[in-house]
Amino acid sequence: MEQEINGKVQKINEEDYEIIKKLEDVGLYNVIKWYQENYDCEPNEAIESIIAIKQKYNVKYQGDDKDEILQRLYSGENPLQVVKWYKEKYDLSLKDAKDKVDEVLNEFHVECKGGASSKGCMITILIAITSTLSFLCLL
């Protein structure tokens, strides 16, 4: 089967095509949930499969903030960096930004770089945030 994706005609199987169309329609976050339900797999397996298809066909789509958080975490970016990025992008408090990243981490159990669990990542984030807040209170 040949389909046009991002202006290029490419050979593609039906399963990949369905995932690409869903990415374009509803974004990464929702496709991961759909993929988990339809393929009975863990979040990291769903994320890995979808991102592999996204990269293979160079799929571009308009995602939301949860999509970008997932992609940053999955690509190996440190969760603390993601919290800082989210805080700056949306001009939020550190707590609000951390809560949003926590929400994504807890829902999808994204593994951090080096294979640490999301629980270990969150401990690192909590220590860093607590240290920062303690320092700011001393000022």
N, C-alpha and C. Protein backbone atom coordinates (compact mmCIF):
# COMPACT_ATOMS: atom_id res chain seq x y z
N MET A 1 0.84 -1.17 0.00
CA MET A 1 0.00 0.00 0.00
C MET A 1 0.90 1.24 0.00
N GLU A 2 0.59 2.21 -0.84
CA GLU A 2 1.33 3.47 -0.87
C GLU A 2 0.42 4.58 -0.39
N GLN A 3 0.97 5.43 0.47
CA GLN A 3 0.22 6.55 1.02
C GLN A 3 1.09 7.80 1.02
N GLU A 4 0.44 8.94 0.96
CA GLU A 4 1.17 10.19 1.07
C GLU A 4 1.21 10.60 2.53
N ILE A 5 2.43 10.78 3.03
CA ILE A 5 2.64 11.19 4.40
C ILE A 5 3.58 12.38 4.37
N ASN A 6 3.14 13.49 4.93
CA ASN A 6 3.94 14.71 4.93
C ASN A 6 4.42 15.08 3.53
N GLY A 7 3.57 14.90 2.55
CA GLY A 7 3.89 15.30 1.18
C GLY A 7 4.72 14.30 0.40
N LYS A 8 5.04 13.13 0.99
CA LYS A 8 5.84 12.11 0.30
C LYS A 8 5.01 10.84 0.16
N VAL A 9 5.10 10.21 -1.00
CA VAL A 9 4.43 8.94 -1.20
C VAL A 9 5.36 7.84 -0.68
N GLN A 10 4.84 7.03 0.24
CA GLN A 10 5.65 5.99 0.86
C GLN A 10 4.87 4.68 0.90
N LYS A 11 5.62 3.58 0.83
CA LYS A 11 5.00 2.27 1.03
C LYS A 11 4.82 2.09 2.53
N ILE A 12 3.64 1.62 2.87
CA ILE A 12 3.33 1.52 4.29
C ILE A 12 2.30 0.40 4.51
N ASN A 13 2.45 -0.32 5.62
CA ASN A 13 1.46 -1.37 5.90
C ASN A 13 0.24 -0.73 6.58
N GLU A 14 -0.86 -1.44 6.57
CA GLU A 14 -2.13 -0.90 7.07
C GLU A 14 -2.08 -0.55 8.56
N GLU A 15 -1.40 -1.37 9.35
CA GLU A 15 -1.30 -1.12 10.79
C GLU A 15 -0.56 0.19 11.06
N ASP A 16 0.58 0.37 10.39
CA ASP A 16 1.34 1.61 10.56
C ASP A 16 0.53 2.81 10.10
N TYR A 17 -0.19 2.64 8.99
CA TYR A 17 -0.99 3.73 8.46
C TYR A 17 -2.08 4.15 9.46
N GLU A 18 -2.72 3.16 10.09
CA GLU A 18 -3.75 3.47 11.08
C GLU A 18 -3.16 4.26 12.26
N ILE A 19 -1.98 3.86 12.71
CA ILE A 19 -1.33 4.56 13.82
C ILE A 19 -0.95 5.98 13.41
N ILE A 20 -0.42 6.15 12.20
CA ILE A 20 -0.05 7.48 11.71
C ILE A 20 -1.28 8.39 11.65
N LYS A 21 -2.36 7.88 11.11
CA LYS A 21 -3.59 8.69 11.01
C LYS A 21 -4.09 9.07 12.40
N LYS A 22 -4.03 8.14 13.34
CA LYS A 22 -4.46 8.45 14.70
C LYS A 22 -3.54 9.50 15.33
N LEU A 23 -2.23 9.39 15.10
CA LEU A 23 -1.29 10.40 15.60
C LEU A 23 -1.69 11.79 15.08
N GLU A 24 -1.95 11.86 13.79
CA GLU A 24 -2.32 13.14 13.18
C GLU A 24 -3.65 13.66 13.72
N ASP A 25 -4.57 12.75 14.03
CA ASP A 25 -5.90 13.16 14.48
C ASP A 25 -5.97 13.47 15.98
N VAL A 26 -5.35 12.63 16.81
CA VAL A 26 -5.55 12.77 18.26
C VAL A 26 -4.26 12.94 19.08
N GLY A 27 -3.09 12.83 18.47
CA GLY A 27 -1.84 13.04 19.19
C GLY A 27 -1.30 11.81 19.89
N LEU A 28 -0.04 11.90 20.27
CA LEU A 28 0.70 10.79 20.88
C LEU A 28 0.05 10.26 22.15
N TYR A 29 -0.29 11.15 23.06
CA TYR A 29 -0.85 10.77 24.35
C TYR A 29 -2.06 9.84 24.18
N ASN A 30 -2.99 10.24 23.32
CA ASN A 30 -4.20 9.45 23.12
C ASN A 30 -3.94 8.17 22.31
N VAL A 31 -2.98 8.22 21.40
CA VAL A 31 -2.65 7.02 20.61
C VAL A 31 -2.02 5.97 21.51
N ILE A 32 -1.23 6.39 22.47
CA ILE A 32 -0.62 5.43 23.39
C ILE A 32 -1.70 4.69 24.17
N LYS A 33 -2.68 5.42 24.66
CA LYS A 33 -3.79 4.78 25.37
C LYS A 33 -4.52 3.79 24.45
N TRP A 34 -4.81 4.24 23.22
CA TRP A 34 -5.49 3.38 22.24
C TRP A 34 -4.65 2.14 21.95
N TYR A 35 -3.35 2.32 21.75
CA TYR A 35 -2.45 1.22 21.42
C TYR A 35 -2.42 0.20 22.56
N GLN A 36 -2.34 0.68 23.80
CA GLN A 36 -2.32 -0.22 24.95
C GLN A 36 -3.59 -1.07 25.01
N GLU A 37 -4.72 -0.43 24.78
CA GLU A 37 -6.00 -1.16 24.83
C GLU A 37 -6.11 -2.18 23.71
N ASN A 38 -5.67 -1.80 22.50
CA ASN A 38 -5.83 -2.67 21.34
C ASN A 38 -4.75 -3.74 21.20
N TYR A 39 -3.59 -3.51 21.77
CA TYR A 39 -2.49 -4.46 21.64
C TYR A 39 -2.10 -5.08 22.99
N ASP A 40 -2.86 -4.77 24.04
CA ASP A 40 -2.65 -5.33 25.36
C ASP A 40 -1.17 -5.33 25.75
N CYS A 41 -0.63 -4.13 25.90
CA CYS A 41 0.80 -4.01 26.23
C CYS A 41 1.02 -2.94 27.28
N GLU A 42 2.23 -2.91 27.78
CA GLU A 42 2.64 -1.94 28.78
C GLU A 42 2.88 -0.58 28.12
N PRO A 43 2.81 0.51 28.90
CA PRO A 43 3.00 1.85 28.33
C PRO A 43 4.31 2.04 27.58
N ASN A 44 5.41 1.56 28.14
CA ASN A 44 6.70 1.76 27.47
C ASN A 44 6.76 1.03 26.12
N GLU A 45 6.13 -0.14 26.05
CA GLU A 45 6.08 -0.87 24.78
C GLU A 45 5.26 -0.09 23.75
N ALA A 46 4.14 0.47 24.20
CA ALA A 46 3.30 1.27 23.30
C ALA A 46 4.05 2.51 22.82
N ILE A 47 4.69 3.21 23.75
CA ILE A 47 5.45 4.41 23.40
C ILE A 47 6.55 4.08 22.41
N GLU A 48 7.29 3.01 22.70
CA GLU A 48 8.40 2.61 21.83
C GLU A 48 7.90 2.28 20.42
N SER A 49 6.82 1.54 20.32
CA SER A 49 6.27 1.17 19.01
C SER A 49 5.80 2.38 18.22
N ILE A 50 5.08 3.25 18.88
CA ILE A 50 4.53 4.43 18.20
C ILE A 50 5.63 5.40 17.78
N ILE A 51 6.59 5.62 18.65
CA ILE A 51 7.68 6.54 18.30
C ILE A 51 8.52 5.95 17.18
N ALA A 52 8.70 4.64 17.16
CA ALA A 52 9.43 4.00 16.06
C ALA A 52 8.73 4.25 14.73
N ILE A 53 7.41 4.12 14.72
CA ILE A 53 6.63 4.38 13.49
C ILE A 53 6.72 5.86 13.12
N LYS A 54 6.60 6.71 14.13
CA LYS A 54 6.69 8.16 13.91
C LYS A 54 8.02 8.52 13.26
N GLN A 55 9.10 7.95 13.76
CA GLN A 55 10.42 8.23 13.21
C GLN A 55 10.64 7.58 11.85
N LYS A 56 10.18 6.36 11.68
CA LYS A 56 10.36 5.64 10.43
C LYS A 56 9.77 6.40 9.25
N TYR A 57 8.58 6.97 9.46
CA TYR A 57 7.89 7.67 8.38
C TYR A 57 8.00 9.20 8.51
N ASN A 58 8.80 9.65 9.49
CA ASN A 58 9.01 11.08 9.71
C ASN A 58 7.66 11.81 9.83
N VAL A 59 6.80 11.29 10.67
CA VAL A 59 5.45 11.82 10.82
C VAL A 59 5.49 13.12 11.63
N LYS A 60 4.85 14.14 11.10
CA LYS A 60 4.70 15.42 11.80
C LYS A 60 3.23 15.57 12.13
N TYR A 61 2.95 16.03 13.32
CA TYR A 61 1.57 16.25 13.73
C TYR A 61 1.55 17.32 14.81
N GLN A 62 0.40 17.89 15.04
CA GLN A 62 0.24 18.91 16.07
C GLN A 62 -0.15 18.23 17.37
N GLY A 63 0.80 18.08 18.27
CA GLY A 63 0.51 17.44 19.54
C GLY A 63 0.23 18.48 20.62
N ASP A 64 -0.09 18.01 21.81
CA ASP A 64 -0.31 18.93 22.91
C ASP A 64 0.84 18.82 23.91
N ASP A 65 0.71 19.47 25.05
CA ASP A 65 1.79 19.50 26.02
C ASP A 65 2.10 18.11 26.58
N LYS A 66 1.10 17.26 26.75
CA LYS A 66 1.35 15.91 27.25
C LYS A 66 2.17 15.11 26.24
N ASP A 67 1.91 15.33 24.95
CA ASP A 67 2.69 14.67 23.90
C ASP A 67 4.16 15.05 24.02
N GLU A 68 4.41 16.32 24.19
CA GLU A 68 5.80 16.78 24.25
C GLU A 68 6.48 16.29 25.53
N ILE A 69 5.76 16.27 26.64
CA ILE A 69 6.32 15.74 27.88
C ILE A 69 6.72 14.28 27.68
N LEU A 70 5.82 13.49 27.10
CA LEU A 70 6.12 12.07 26.84
C LEU A 70 7.34 11.90 25.95
N GLN A 71 7.39 12.66 24.86
CA GLN A 71 8.51 12.54 23.94
C GLN A 71 9.82 12.92 24.61
N ARG A 72 9.81 13.97 25.40
CA ARG A 72 11.03 14.39 26.10
C ARG A 72 11.48 13.33 27.10
N LEU A 73 10.55 12.80 27.88
CA LEU A 73 10.90 11.77 28.86
C LEU A 73 11.39 10.50 28.18
N TYR A 74 10.68 10.09 27.13
CA TYR A 74 11.04 8.86 26.43
C TYR A 74 12.39 8.98 25.73
N SER A 75 12.71 10.18 25.24
CA SER A 75 13.98 10.37 24.55
C SER A 75 15.17 10.38 25.51
N GLY A 76 14.87 10.31 26.81
CA GLY A 76 15.95 10.22 27.79
C GLY A 76 16.23 11.52 28.51
N GLU A 77 15.44 12.54 28.25
CA GLU A 77 15.65 13.81 28.96
C GLU A 77 15.33 13.60 30.43
N ASN A 78 16.14 14.16 31.28
CA ASN A 78 15.97 14.05 32.72
C ASN A 78 14.63 14.67 33.12
N PRO A 79 13.85 14.00 33.97
CA PRO A 79 12.55 14.55 34.38
C PRO A 79 12.65 15.96 34.98
N LEU A 80 13.72 16.24 35.69
CA LEU A 80 13.88 17.58 36.25
C LEU A 80 14.01 18.62 35.14
N GLN A 81 14.72 18.26 34.06
CA GLN A 81 14.83 19.17 32.91
C GLN A 81 13.45 19.38 32.28
N VAL A 82 12.66 18.33 32.23
CA VAL A 82 11.32 18.43 31.64
C VAL A 82 10.45 19.35 32.51
N VAL A 83 10.55 19.22 33.83
CA VAL A 83 9.80 20.10 34.73
C VAL A 83 10.23 21.55 34.50
N LYS A 84 11.53 21.78 34.42
CA LYS A 84 12.02 23.15 34.19
C LYS A 84 11.54 23.69 32.85
N TRP A 85 11.62 22.87 31.80
CA TRP A 85 11.14 23.29 30.48
C TRP A 85 9.65 23.64 30.54
N TYR A 86 8.86 22.79 31.18
CA TYR A 86 7.41 23.01 31.24
C TYR A 86 7.09 24.27 32.05
N LYS A 87 7.81 24.46 33.14
CA LYS A 87 7.63 25.65 33.97
C LYS A 87 7.87 26.92 33.16
N GLU A 88 8.97 26.94 32.41
CA GLU A 88 9.32 28.12 31.61
C GLU A 88 8.37 28.31 30.44
N LYS A 89 8.01 27.22 29.77
CA LYS A 89 7.15 27.33 28.59
C LYS A 89 5.79 27.92 28.93
N TYR A 90 5.22 27.48 30.04
CA TYR A 90 3.87 27.90 30.40
C TYR A 90 3.84 28.92 31.54
N ASP A 91 5.01 29.38 31.98
CA ASP A 91 5.13 30.39 33.04
C ASP A 91 4.34 29.95 34.28
N LEU A 92 4.64 28.74 34.74
CA LEU A 92 3.95 28.15 35.89
C LEU A 92 4.86 28.15 37.10
N SER A 93 4.27 27.86 38.24
CA SER A 93 5.08 27.64 39.44
C SER A 93 5.78 26.30 39.28
N LEU A 94 6.84 26.11 40.04
CA LEU A 94 7.58 24.86 40.00
C LEU A 94 6.67 23.69 40.39
N LYS A 95 5.82 23.91 41.39
CA LYS A 95 4.91 22.85 41.84
C LYS A 95 3.92 22.47 40.74
N ASP A 96 3.33 23.46 40.07
CA ASP A 96 2.37 23.17 39.01
C ASP A 96 3.02 22.41 37.85
N ALA A 97 4.23 22.82 37.49
CA ALA A 97 4.95 22.14 36.40
C ALA A 97 5.28 20.71 36.81
N LYS A 98 5.74 20.53 38.04
CA LYS A 98 6.07 19.19 38.54
C LYS A 98 4.82 18.31 38.56
N ASP A 99 3.69 18.87 38.99
CA ASP A 99 2.44 18.11 39.03
C ASP A 99 2.04 17.62 37.64
N LYS A 100 2.22 18.45 36.63
CA LYS A 100 1.86 18.06 35.25
C LYS A 100 2.77 16.92 34.76
N VAL A 101 4.07 17.05 35.01
CA VAL A 101 5.00 16.00 34.59
C VAL A 101 4.73 14.73 35.39
N ASP A 102 4.45 14.87 36.68
CA ASP A 102 4.08 13.71 37.51
C ASP A 102 2.87 12.98 36.95
N GLU A 103 1.89 13.75 36.51
CA GLU A 103 0.67 13.17 35.95
C GLU A 103 1.00 12.25 34.77
N VAL A 104 1.86 12.72 33.89
CA VAL A 104 2.24 11.92 32.72
C VAL A 104 3.09 10.72 33.15
N LEU A 105 4.05 10.95 34.04
CA LEU A 105 4.89 9.85 34.52
C LEU A 105 4.06 8.77 35.19
N ASN A 106 3.14 9.18 36.04
CA ASN A 106 2.32 8.21 36.77
C ASN A 106 1.37 7.45 35.86
N GLU A 107 0.84 8.13 34.86
CA GLU A 107 -0.10 7.45 33.98
C GLU A 107 0.58 6.45 33.06
N PHE A 108 1.76 6.80 32.56
CA PHE A 108 2.42 5.94 31.57
C PHE A 108 3.64 5.21 32.11
N HIS A 109 4.06 5.50 33.32
CA HIS A 109 5.22 4.83 33.92
C HIS A 109 6.41 4.85 32.97
N VAL A 110 6.71 6.03 32.42
CA VAL A 110 7.82 6.17 31.48
C VAL A 110 9.12 5.91 32.21
N GLU A 111 9.97 5.10 31.59
CA GLU A 111 11.27 4.82 32.19
C GLU A 111 12.24 5.93 31.87
N CYS A 112 13.03 6.30 32.87
CA CYS A 112 14.04 7.34 32.68
C CYS A 112 15.26 6.78 31.98
N LYS A 113 16.10 7.65 31.50
CA LYS A 113 17.35 7.27 30.87
C LYS A 113 18.15 6.41 31.84
N GLY A 114 18.74 5.37 31.34
CA GLY A 114 19.52 4.48 32.19
C GLY A 114 18.67 3.38 32.80
N GLY A 115 17.37 3.31 32.45
CA GLY A 115 16.52 2.22 32.89
C GLY A 115 15.94 2.37 34.27
N ALA A 116 16.11 3.52 34.91
CA ALA A 116 15.52 3.72 36.22
C ALA A 116 14.01 3.78 36.09
N SER A 117 13.32 3.40 37.11
CA SER A 117 11.86 3.45 37.05
C SER A 117 11.38 4.88 37.25
N SER A 118 10.16 5.14 36.89
CA SER A 118 9.61 6.48 37.08
C SER A 118 9.57 6.83 38.57
N LYS A 119 9.43 5.82 39.43
CA LYS A 119 9.43 6.08 40.86
C LYS A 119 10.78 6.64 41.29
N GLY A 120 11.86 6.08 40.78
CA GLY A 120 13.20 6.60 41.07
C GLY A 120 13.39 7.99 40.51
N CYS A 121 12.84 8.23 39.33
CA CYS A 121 12.92 9.56 38.73
C CYS A 121 12.21 10.58 39.60
N MET A 122 11.06 10.22 40.09
CA MET A 122 10.28 11.16 40.87
C MET A 122 10.94 11.44 42.21
N ILE A 123 11.62 10.46 42.77
CA ILE A 123 12.37 10.70 44.00
C ILE A 123 13.45 11.74 43.74
N THR A 124 14.14 11.61 42.61
CA THR A 124 15.17 12.58 42.24
C THR A 124 14.56 13.96 42.07
N ILE A 125 13.43 14.03 41.39
CA ILE A 125 12.76 15.32 41.19
C ILE A 125 12.34 15.91 42.53
N LEU A 126 11.75 15.09 43.40
CA LEU A 126 11.30 15.59 44.69
C LEU A 126 12.45 16.11 45.53
N ILE A 127 13.58 15.42 45.50
CA ILE A 127 14.75 15.87 46.25
C ILE A 127 15.23 17.21 45.70
N ALA A 128 15.30 17.32 44.36
CA ALA A 128 15.76 18.56 43.74
C ALA A 128 14.81 19.72 44.04
N ILE A 129 13.52 19.47 43.96
CA ILE A 129 12.52 20.53 44.22
C ILE A 129 12.55 20.93 45.69
N THR A 130 12.62 19.95 46.58
CA THR A 130 12.66 20.23 48.00
C THR A 130 13.90 21.05 48.36
N SER A 131 15.04 20.67 47.78
CA SER A 131 16.27 21.39 48.01
C SER A 131 16.17 22.82 47.52
N THR A 132 15.61 22.99 46.32
CA THR A 132 15.46 24.33 45.75
C THR A 132 14.53 25.18 46.60
N LEU A 133 13.40 24.63 47.00
CA LEU A 133 12.45 25.38 47.81
C LEU A 133 13.03 25.72 49.19
N SER A 134 13.77 24.79 49.77
CA SER A 134 14.41 25.05 51.06
C SER A 134 15.42 26.18 50.94
N PHE A 135 16.18 26.17 49.87
CA PHE A 135 17.17 27.21 49.64
C PHE A 135 16.48 28.56 49.48
N LEU A 136 15.38 28.59 48.72
CA LEU A 136 14.66 29.84 48.48
C LEU A 136 14.05 30.38 49.78
N CYS A 137 13.61 29.50 50.65
CA CYS A 137 13.04 29.93 51.93
C CYS A 137 14.11 30.57 52.83
N LEU A 138 15.34 30.11 52.69
CA LEU A 138 16.43 30.67 53.49
C LEU A 138 16.78 32.09 53.06
N LEU A 139 16.50 32.41 51.81
CA LEU A 139 16.80 33.76 51.30
C LEU A 139 15.79 34.69 51.86
